[in-house]
Amino acid sequence: MPFTNSNDYITGRKPPVTPAGTEVVAVRYELDLTTGDLALNTIGQIGLLPAGCVPVDLLIDGDDLDTGAAALVMQFGIWDGAGANLSVLAADGGKHWGTSTAVNTDFLQRITPNGNAMSRVLPAQADRRLGVKVTTAPTTPAAGKLGVTLLYRAV
């Protein structure tokens, strides 16, 4: 099941931010999540990794999306294009890049890396979609904002 909402980067109303040289660029993507978006195995798009770029780091922040006991866990990586999972292609890191840590309050955190997946991403000739997958549903889901700050550089 895809996310209910989208944002201007996913719909194409805002172009991807592309580095002019080898500097690291940080772009924050926001998405308003509904309680239905927080169901187990829901996956959606939240941002872009521009053509010719590789990820450097990923920070996430959000409202209190789990008002019960801390349970909500999400995976982050390249969306597989079919909406069923995150990419496991070698060029996309070979697996999801990492996960959030379960919280039950508003939060800001760096993802917990999934081994060296993020450092193995290769530049592509086309923009790729950044995906989020709910791998542990919240105890008590609450609608709210999810923010993902992707740091990346051109290669």
N, C-alpha and C. Protein backbone atom coordinates (compact mmCIF):
# COMPACT_ATOMS: atom_id res chain seq x y z
N MET A 1 0.85 -1.18 0.00
CA MET A 1 0.00 0.00 0.00
C MET A 1 0.89 1.24 0.00
N PRO A 2 0.71 2.16 -0.94
CA PRO A 2 1.53 3.38 -0.97
C PRO A 2 1.02 4.41 0.04
N PHE A 3 1.86 5.40 0.33
CA PHE A 3 1.46 6.48 1.22
C PHE A 3 0.31 7.27 0.59
N THR A 4 -0.54 7.83 1.42
CA THR A 4 -1.69 8.61 0.97
C THR A 4 -1.26 9.91 0.31
N ASN A 5 -0.28 10.59 0.90
CA ASN A 5 0.15 11.91 0.42
C ASN A 5 1.47 11.84 -0.32
N SER A 6 1.81 12.92 -0.97
CA SER A 6 3.05 13.06 -1.69
C SER A 6 3.67 14.40 -1.31
N ASN A 7 4.73 14.81 -2.01
CA ASN A 7 5.29 16.14 -1.81
C ASN A 7 5.74 16.69 -3.16
N ASP A 8 6.17 17.93 -3.18
CA ASP A 8 6.51 18.60 -4.44
C ASP A 8 7.69 17.97 -5.17
N TYR A 9 8.60 17.32 -4.47
CA TYR A 9 9.73 16.66 -5.14
C TYR A 9 9.27 15.39 -5.86
N ILE A 10 8.40 14.63 -5.23
CA ILE A 10 7.90 13.39 -5.82
C ILE A 10 7.00 13.68 -7.02
N THR A 11 6.18 14.72 -6.92
CA THR A 11 5.26 15.03 -8.02
C THR A 11 5.94 15.79 -9.16
N GLY A 12 7.17 16.27 -8.93
CA GLY A 12 7.89 16.99 -9.97
C GLY A 12 7.66 18.50 -9.98
N ARG A 13 6.91 19.01 -9.00
CA ARG A 13 6.70 20.47 -8.93
C ARG A 13 7.96 21.20 -8.48
N LYS A 14 8.86 20.50 -7.78
CA LYS A 14 10.16 21.06 -7.41
C LYS A 14 11.23 20.18 -8.03
N PRO A 15 12.22 20.79 -8.68
CA PRO A 15 13.29 19.98 -9.27
C PRO A 15 14.26 19.49 -8.19
N PRO A 16 14.96 18.40 -8.44
CA PRO A 16 15.95 17.94 -7.47
C PRO A 16 17.08 18.94 -7.32
N VAL A 17 17.60 19.05 -6.12
CA VAL A 17 18.75 19.91 -5.85
C VAL A 17 20.00 19.14 -6.27
N THR A 18 20.75 19.69 -7.21
CA THR A 18 21.93 19.00 -7.73
C THR A 18 23.19 19.77 -7.37
N PRO A 19 24.18 19.11 -6.79
CA PRO A 19 25.43 19.79 -6.44
C PRO A 19 26.13 20.33 -7.70
N ALA A 20 26.80 21.48 -7.55
CA ALA A 20 27.53 22.08 -8.66
C ALA A 20 28.93 21.47 -8.80
N GLY A 21 29.42 20.89 -7.72
CA GLY A 21 30.76 20.29 -7.72
C GLY A 21 30.75 19.09 -6.81
N THR A 22 31.80 18.96 -5.99
CA THR A 22 31.91 17.81 -5.09
C THR A 22 31.41 18.09 -3.69
N GLU A 23 30.77 19.26 -3.49
CA GLU A 23 30.26 19.57 -2.16
C GLU A 23 29.11 18.65 -1.77
N VAL A 24 28.89 18.52 -0.45
CA VAL A 24 27.78 17.75 0.07
C VAL A 24 26.56 18.67 0.16
N VAL A 25 25.44 18.19 -0.34
CA VAL A 25 24.19 18.93 -0.32
C VAL A 25 23.26 18.23 0.67
N ALA A 26 22.51 19.02 1.43
CA ALA A 26 21.52 18.46 2.35
C ALA A 26 20.14 18.97 1.95
N VAL A 27 19.23 18.05 1.71
CA VAL A 27 17.87 18.43 1.34
C VAL A 27 16.91 17.70 2.28
N ARG A 28 15.97 18.48 2.84
CA ARG A 28 14.97 17.90 3.75
C ARG A 28 13.66 17.70 2.98
N TYR A 29 13.17 16.49 3.02
CA TYR A 29 11.90 16.14 2.38
C TYR A 29 10.88 15.89 3.48
N GLU A 30 9.68 16.45 3.33
CA GLU A 30 8.62 16.28 4.31
C GLU A 30 7.45 15.54 3.71
N LEU A 31 6.76 14.82 4.56
CA LEU A 31 5.56 14.11 4.13
C LEU A 31 4.58 14.05 5.29
N ASP A 32 3.32 14.39 5.03
CA ASP A 32 2.27 14.26 6.04
C ASP A 32 1.75 12.84 5.97
N LEU A 33 1.91 12.09 7.07
CA LEU A 33 1.46 10.70 7.13
C LEU A 33 0.10 10.62 7.82
N THR A 34 -0.75 9.75 7.31
CA THR A 34 -2.02 9.45 7.95
C THR A 34 -1.83 8.23 8.85
N THR A 35 -2.81 7.93 9.68
CA THR A 35 -2.68 6.73 10.52
C THR A 35 -2.63 5.47 9.65
N GLY A 36 -3.31 5.47 8.51
CA GLY A 36 -3.27 4.33 7.60
C GLY A 36 -1.89 4.11 6.99
N ASP A 37 -1.12 5.20 6.82
CA ASP A 37 0.24 5.08 6.27
C ASP A 37 1.18 4.36 7.22
N LEU A 38 0.80 4.24 8.48
CA LEU A 38 1.67 3.65 9.49
C LEU A 38 1.39 2.17 9.72
N ALA A 39 0.57 1.57 8.87
CA ALA A 39 0.29 0.14 8.98
C ALA A 39 1.53 -0.67 8.58
N LEU A 40 1.64 -1.86 9.12
CA LEU A 40 2.77 -2.74 8.84
C LEU A 40 2.95 -2.95 7.34
N ASN A 41 4.19 -2.83 6.87
CA ASN A 41 4.61 -3.04 5.48
C ASN A 41 4.15 -1.98 4.49
N THR A 42 3.58 -0.87 4.98
CA THR A 42 3.26 0.23 4.08
C THR A 42 4.57 0.83 3.61
N ILE A 43 4.63 1.13 2.32
CA ILE A 43 5.85 1.70 1.74
C ILE A 43 5.47 2.88 0.88
N GLY A 44 6.31 3.90 0.89
CA GLY A 44 6.04 5.06 0.06
C GLY A 44 7.30 5.82 -0.28
N GLN A 45 7.12 6.81 -1.12
CA GLN A 45 8.23 7.66 -1.55
C GLN A 45 8.22 8.94 -0.74
N ILE A 46 9.42 9.47 -0.47
CA ILE A 46 9.49 10.71 0.29
C ILE A 46 10.44 11.72 -0.34
N GLY A 47 11.38 11.32 -1.16
CA GLY A 47 12.34 12.27 -1.73
C GLY A 47 13.08 11.70 -2.92
N LEU A 48 14.13 12.41 -3.33
CA LEU A 48 14.89 12.04 -4.52
C LEU A 48 16.39 11.99 -4.23
N LEU A 49 17.07 11.05 -4.85
CA LEU A 49 18.52 11.04 -4.94
C LEU A 49 18.80 11.37 -6.40
N PRO A 50 19.31 12.59 -6.67
CA PRO A 50 19.47 13.02 -8.06
C PRO A 50 20.46 12.16 -8.86
N ALA A 51 20.28 12.17 -10.17
CA ALA A 51 21.18 11.47 -11.08
C ALA A 51 22.62 11.92 -10.82
N GLY A 52 23.55 10.98 -10.89
CA GLY A 52 24.97 11.29 -10.72
C GLY A 52 25.41 11.51 -9.29
N CYS A 53 24.51 11.25 -8.32
CA CYS A 53 24.83 11.50 -6.91
C CYS A 53 24.80 10.21 -6.09
N VAL A 54 25.50 10.24 -4.97
CA VAL A 54 25.50 9.13 -4.02
C VAL A 54 25.19 9.69 -2.63
N PRO A 55 24.53 8.90 -1.78
CA PRO A 55 24.19 9.37 -0.43
C PRO A 55 25.42 9.42 0.48
N VAL A 56 25.36 10.34 1.42
CA VAL A 56 26.43 10.48 2.42
C VAL A 56 25.89 10.16 3.81
N ASP A 57 24.68 10.63 4.12
CA ASP A 57 24.10 10.42 5.44
C ASP A 57 22.59 10.62 5.34
N LEU A 58 21.86 10.18 6.36
CA LEU A 58 20.41 10.31 6.37
C LEU A 58 19.94 10.56 7.80
N LEU A 59 19.23 11.66 7.98
CA LEU A 59 18.63 12.01 9.26
C LEU A 59 17.12 11.99 9.11
N ILE A 60 16.43 11.59 10.16
CA ILE A 60 14.97 11.60 10.12
C ILE A 60 14.43 12.35 11.32
N ASP A 61 13.28 12.96 11.13
CA ASP A 61 12.62 13.64 12.23
C ASP A 61 11.12 13.50 12.03
N GLY A 62 10.38 13.71 13.09
CA GLY A 62 8.94 13.61 12.94
C GLY A 62 8.19 13.98 14.19
N ASP A 63 6.89 14.06 13.99
CA ASP A 63 5.98 14.28 15.10
C ASP A 63 5.84 12.97 15.87
N ASP A 64 5.06 13.00 16.92
CA ASP A 64 4.79 11.80 17.70
C ASP A 64 3.85 10.91 16.89
N LEU A 65 4.41 9.99 16.12
CA LEU A 65 3.63 9.12 15.23
C LEU A 65 3.16 7.85 15.93
N ASP A 66 3.65 7.61 17.14
CA ASP A 66 3.28 6.43 17.93
C ASP A 66 3.01 6.91 19.35
N THR A 67 1.74 7.15 19.67
CA THR A 67 1.41 7.73 20.97
C THR A 67 1.32 6.68 22.07
N GLY A 68 1.47 5.41 21.72
CA GLY A 68 1.49 4.35 22.72
C GLY A 68 2.92 4.02 23.11
N ALA A 69 3.16 2.77 23.51
CA ALA A 69 4.52 2.33 23.82
C ALA A 69 5.36 2.39 22.54
N ALA A 70 6.61 2.77 22.68
CA ALA A 70 7.49 2.94 21.51
C ALA A 70 7.60 1.64 20.73
N ALA A 71 7.12 1.65 19.48
CA ALA A 71 7.19 0.45 18.66
C ALA A 71 7.53 0.76 17.20
N LEU A 72 7.10 1.90 16.68
CA LEU A 72 7.25 2.23 15.27
C LEU A 72 8.70 2.17 14.81
N VAL A 73 8.96 1.34 13.79
CA VAL A 73 10.29 1.26 13.17
C VAL A 73 10.08 1.33 11.66
N MET A 74 10.94 2.12 11.00
CA MET A 74 10.87 2.29 9.55
C MET A 74 12.22 2.01 8.93
N GLN A 75 12.20 1.47 7.71
CA GLN A 75 13.42 1.28 6.92
C GLN A 75 13.48 2.38 5.87
N PHE A 76 14.71 2.72 5.47
CA PHE A 76 14.94 3.77 4.47
C PHE A 76 15.90 3.25 3.42
N GLY A 77 15.68 3.66 2.18
CA GLY A 77 16.55 3.27 1.08
C GLY A 77 15.95 3.72 -0.23
N ILE A 78 16.40 3.12 -1.31
CA ILE A 78 15.87 3.43 -2.64
C ILE A 78 14.59 2.64 -2.86
N TRP A 79 13.54 3.34 -3.26
CA TRP A 79 12.26 2.71 -3.57
C TRP A 79 12.46 1.79 -4.76
N ASP A 80 11.87 0.60 -4.73
CA ASP A 80 12.11 -0.39 -5.79
C ASP A 80 11.37 -0.12 -7.09
N GLY A 81 10.52 0.89 -7.13
CA GLY A 81 9.80 1.23 -8.34
C GLY A 81 8.48 0.51 -8.49
N ALA A 82 8.30 -0.57 -7.77
CA ALA A 82 7.05 -1.32 -7.84
C ALA A 82 6.14 -1.03 -6.65
N GLY A 83 6.70 -0.39 -5.64
CA GLY A 83 5.92 -0.06 -4.46
C GLY A 83 5.77 -1.18 -3.47
N ALA A 84 6.51 -2.26 -3.65
CA ALA A 84 6.37 -3.41 -2.76
C ALA A 84 7.50 -3.50 -1.75
N ASN A 85 8.64 -2.89 -2.06
CA ASN A 85 9.78 -3.03 -1.16
C ASN A 85 10.81 -1.96 -1.47
N LEU A 86 11.88 -1.96 -0.71
CA LEU A 86 13.03 -1.11 -0.99
C LEU A 86 14.00 -1.92 -1.84
N SER A 87 14.72 -1.24 -2.69
CA SER A 87 15.60 -1.90 -3.65
C SER A 87 16.69 -2.73 -2.98
N VAL A 88 16.97 -3.88 -3.58
CA VAL A 88 18.10 -4.72 -3.16
C VAL A 88 19.12 -4.83 -4.29
N LEU A 89 19.00 -3.98 -5.30
CA LEU A 89 19.97 -3.97 -6.40
C LEU A 89 21.33 -3.52 -5.87
N ALA A 90 22.38 -4.11 -6.36
CA ALA A 90 23.73 -3.75 -5.92
C ALA A 90 24.01 -2.27 -6.13
N ALA A 91 23.55 -1.68 -7.23
CA ALA A 91 23.79 -0.26 -7.51
C ALA A 91 23.08 0.66 -6.53
N ASP A 92 22.05 0.14 -5.83
CA ASP A 92 21.30 0.93 -4.84
C ASP A 92 21.77 0.63 -3.42
N GLY A 93 22.86 -0.11 -3.27
CA GLY A 93 23.41 -0.44 -1.96
C GLY A 93 23.25 -1.91 -1.60
N GLY A 94 22.44 -2.65 -2.36
CA GLY A 94 22.27 -4.08 -2.12
C GLY A 94 21.23 -4.44 -1.10
N LYS A 95 20.74 -3.46 -0.35
CA LYS A 95 19.71 -3.67 0.68
C LYS A 95 19.26 -2.30 1.16
N HIS A 96 18.28 -2.27 2.08
CA HIS A 96 17.87 -0.96 2.61
C HIS A 96 19.05 -0.34 3.36
N TRP A 97 19.06 0.98 3.41
CA TRP A 97 20.22 1.69 3.98
C TRP A 97 20.28 1.66 5.49
N GLY A 98 19.12 1.60 6.14
CA GLY A 98 19.10 1.62 7.60
C GLY A 98 17.69 1.78 8.13
N THR A 99 17.57 1.81 9.45
CA THR A 99 16.26 1.88 10.11
C THR A 99 16.22 3.00 11.14
N SER A 100 15.00 3.36 11.47
CA SER A 100 14.79 4.30 12.57
C SER A 100 14.84 3.50 13.88
N THR A 101 14.95 4.21 14.97
CA THR A 101 14.86 3.62 16.29
C THR A 101 13.46 3.90 16.82
N ALA A 102 12.82 2.92 17.41
CA ALA A 102 11.45 3.08 17.90
C ALA A 102 11.37 4.23 18.92
N VAL A 103 10.42 5.11 18.69
CA VAL A 103 10.20 6.25 19.60
C VAL A 103 8.70 6.45 19.79
N ASN A 104 8.32 7.09 20.87
CA ASN A 104 6.92 7.43 21.08
C ASN A 104 6.77 8.89 21.49
N THR A 105 7.58 9.73 20.88
CA THR A 105 7.50 11.18 21.07
C THR A 105 8.03 11.81 19.79
N ASP A 106 7.98 13.13 19.70
CA ASP A 106 8.59 13.74 18.52
C ASP A 106 10.08 13.44 18.55
N PHE A 107 10.71 13.36 17.38
CA PHE A 107 12.07 12.82 17.34
C PHE A 107 12.92 13.45 16.24
N LEU A 108 14.22 13.34 16.42
CA LEU A 108 15.24 13.65 15.44
C LEU A 108 16.34 12.63 15.66
N GLN A 109 16.68 11.87 14.63
CA GLN A 109 17.70 10.84 14.78
C GLN A 109 18.39 10.54 13.46
N ARG A 110 19.58 10.02 13.57
CA ARG A 110 20.31 9.50 12.41
C ARG A 110 19.87 8.03 12.28
N ILE A 111 19.71 7.56 11.05
CA ILE A 111 19.29 6.17 10.90
C ILE A 111 20.37 5.24 11.44
N THR A 112 19.91 4.07 11.89
CA THR A 112 20.84 3.01 12.29
C THR A 112 21.24 2.30 11.01
N PRO A 113 22.52 2.39 10.62
CA PRO A 113 22.94 1.84 9.32
C PRO A 113 22.72 0.34 9.20
N ASN A 114 22.42 -0.10 8.00
CA ASN A 114 22.30 -1.53 7.68
C ASN A 114 23.62 -1.93 7.04
N GLY A 115 24.60 -2.17 7.88
CA GLY A 115 25.94 -2.50 7.37
C GLY A 115 26.50 -1.35 6.55
N ASN A 116 27.07 -1.67 5.41
CA ASN A 116 27.70 -0.65 4.57
C ASN A 116 26.85 -0.32 3.34
N ALA A 117 25.55 -0.59 3.40
CA ALA A 117 24.67 -0.42 2.23
C ALA A 117 24.75 0.99 1.65
N MET A 118 24.68 2.02 2.48
CA MET A 118 24.66 3.38 1.96
C MET A 118 25.97 3.73 1.26
N SER A 119 27.07 3.23 1.76
CA SER A 119 28.38 3.55 1.16
C SER A 119 28.61 2.78 -0.14
N ARG A 120 27.77 1.80 -0.44
CA ARG A 120 27.92 0.99 -1.66
C ARG A 120 27.05 1.48 -2.82
N VAL A 121 26.27 2.54 -2.60
CA VAL A 121 25.40 3.05 -3.65
C VAL A 121 26.24 3.66 -4.76
N LEU A 122 25.92 3.32 -6.00
CA LEU A 122 26.62 3.84 -7.18
C LEU A 122 25.79 4.95 -7.82
N PRO A 123 26.44 5.91 -8.47
CA PRO A 123 25.67 6.96 -9.15
C PRO A 123 24.87 6.35 -10.30
N ALA A 124 23.71 6.91 -10.56
CA ALA A 124 22.85 6.43 -11.65
C ALA A 124 22.65 7.55 -12.66
N GLN A 125 22.17 7.20 -13.84
CA GLN A 125 21.95 8.19 -14.89
C GLN A 125 20.61 8.90 -14.74
N ALA A 126 19.75 8.40 -13.85
CA ALA A 126 18.43 9.00 -13.63
C ALA A 126 18.22 9.22 -12.14
N ASP A 127 17.32 10.14 -11.81
CA ASP A 127 16.96 10.35 -10.42
C ASP A 127 16.35 9.08 -9.86
N ARG A 128 16.62 8.80 -8.58
CA ARG A 128 16.02 7.66 -7.90
C ARG A 128 15.16 8.17 -6.75
N ARG A 129 14.11 7.43 -6.45
CA ARG A 129 13.18 7.81 -5.38
C ARG A 129 13.62 7.23 -4.05
N LEU A 130 13.63 8.06 -3.03
CA LEU A 130 13.93 7.63 -1.67
C LEU A 130 12.66 7.06 -1.07
N GLY A 131 12.76 5.84 -0.53
CA GLY A 131 11.59 5.17 0.01
C GLY A 131 11.66 4.96 1.50
N VAL A 132 10.47 4.80 2.09
CA VAL A 132 10.30 4.53 3.51
C VAL A 132 9.35 3.35 3.63
N LYS A 133 9.69 2.38 4.47
CA LYS A 133 8.82 1.22 4.70
C LYS A 133 8.61 1.04 6.19
N VAL A 134 7.35 0.88 6.59
CA VAL A 134 7.02 0.61 7.99
C VAL A 134 7.26 -0.87 8.24
N THR A 135 8.24 -1.18 9.08
CA THR A 135 8.56 -2.59 9.37
C THR A 135 8.06 -3.05 10.73
N THR A 136 7.75 -2.12 11.61
CA THR A 136 7.07 -2.42 12.87
C THR A 136 6.02 -1.34 13.05
N ALA A 137 4.76 -1.74 13.06
CA ALA A 137 3.67 -0.77 13.18
C ALA A 137 3.66 -0.14 14.57
N PRO A 138 3.18 1.09 14.65
CA PRO A 138 3.10 1.74 15.96
C PRO A 138 2.05 1.07 16.86
N THR A 139 2.24 1.20 18.15
CA THR A 139 1.27 0.70 19.10
C THR A 139 -0.05 1.45 18.95
N THR A 140 0.05 2.77 18.92
CA THR A 140 -1.11 3.64 18.74
C THR A 140 -0.74 4.67 17.68
N PRO A 141 -1.09 4.43 16.40
CA PRO A 141 -0.68 5.35 15.33
C PRO A 141 -1.34 6.72 15.46
N ALA A 142 -0.60 7.74 15.08
CA ALA A 142 -1.11 9.11 15.08
C ALA A 142 -0.62 9.80 13.81
N ALA A 143 -1.51 10.49 13.14
CA ALA A 143 -1.14 11.25 11.94
C ALA A 143 -0.13 12.33 12.31
N GLY A 144 0.79 12.61 11.39
CA GLY A 144 1.79 13.64 11.67
C GLY A 144 2.79 13.75 10.54
N LYS A 145 3.76 14.59 10.73
CA LYS A 145 4.76 14.87 9.72
C LYS A 145 6.00 14.01 9.92
N LEU A 146 6.52 13.47 8.81
CA LEU A 146 7.80 12.77 8.79
C LEU A 146 8.75 13.60 7.93
N GLY A 147 9.92 13.85 8.42
CA GLY A 147 10.95 14.56 7.66
C GLY A 147 12.17 13.68 7.47
N VAL A 148 12.72 13.73 6.27
CA VAL A 148 13.94 12.98 5.96
C VAL A 148 14.92 13.97 5.35
N THR A 149 16.08 14.10 5.97
CA THR A 149 17.14 14.95 5.44
C THR A 149 18.20 14.06 4.84
N LEU A 150 18.33 14.12 3.52
CA LEU A 150 19.30 13.31 2.80
C LEU A 150 20.50 14.19 2.46
N LEU A 151 21.68 13.75 2.88
CA LEU A 151 22.92 14.41 2.51
C LEU A 151 23.55 13.59 1.41
N TYR A 152 23.91 14.25 0.30
CA TYR A 152 24.47 13.54 -0.84
C TYR A 152 25.46 14.42 -1.57
N ARG A 153 26.24 13.78 -2.46
CA ARG A 153 27.24 14.49 -3.24
C ARG A 153 27.27 13.93 -4.66
N ALA A 154 27.77 14.73 -5.56
CA ALA A 154 27.95 14.27 -6.94
C ALA A 154 29.22 13.44 -7.02
N VAL A 155 29.26 12.54 -7.99
CA VAL A 155 30.43 11.70 -8.19
C VAL A 155 31.01 12.00 -9.55
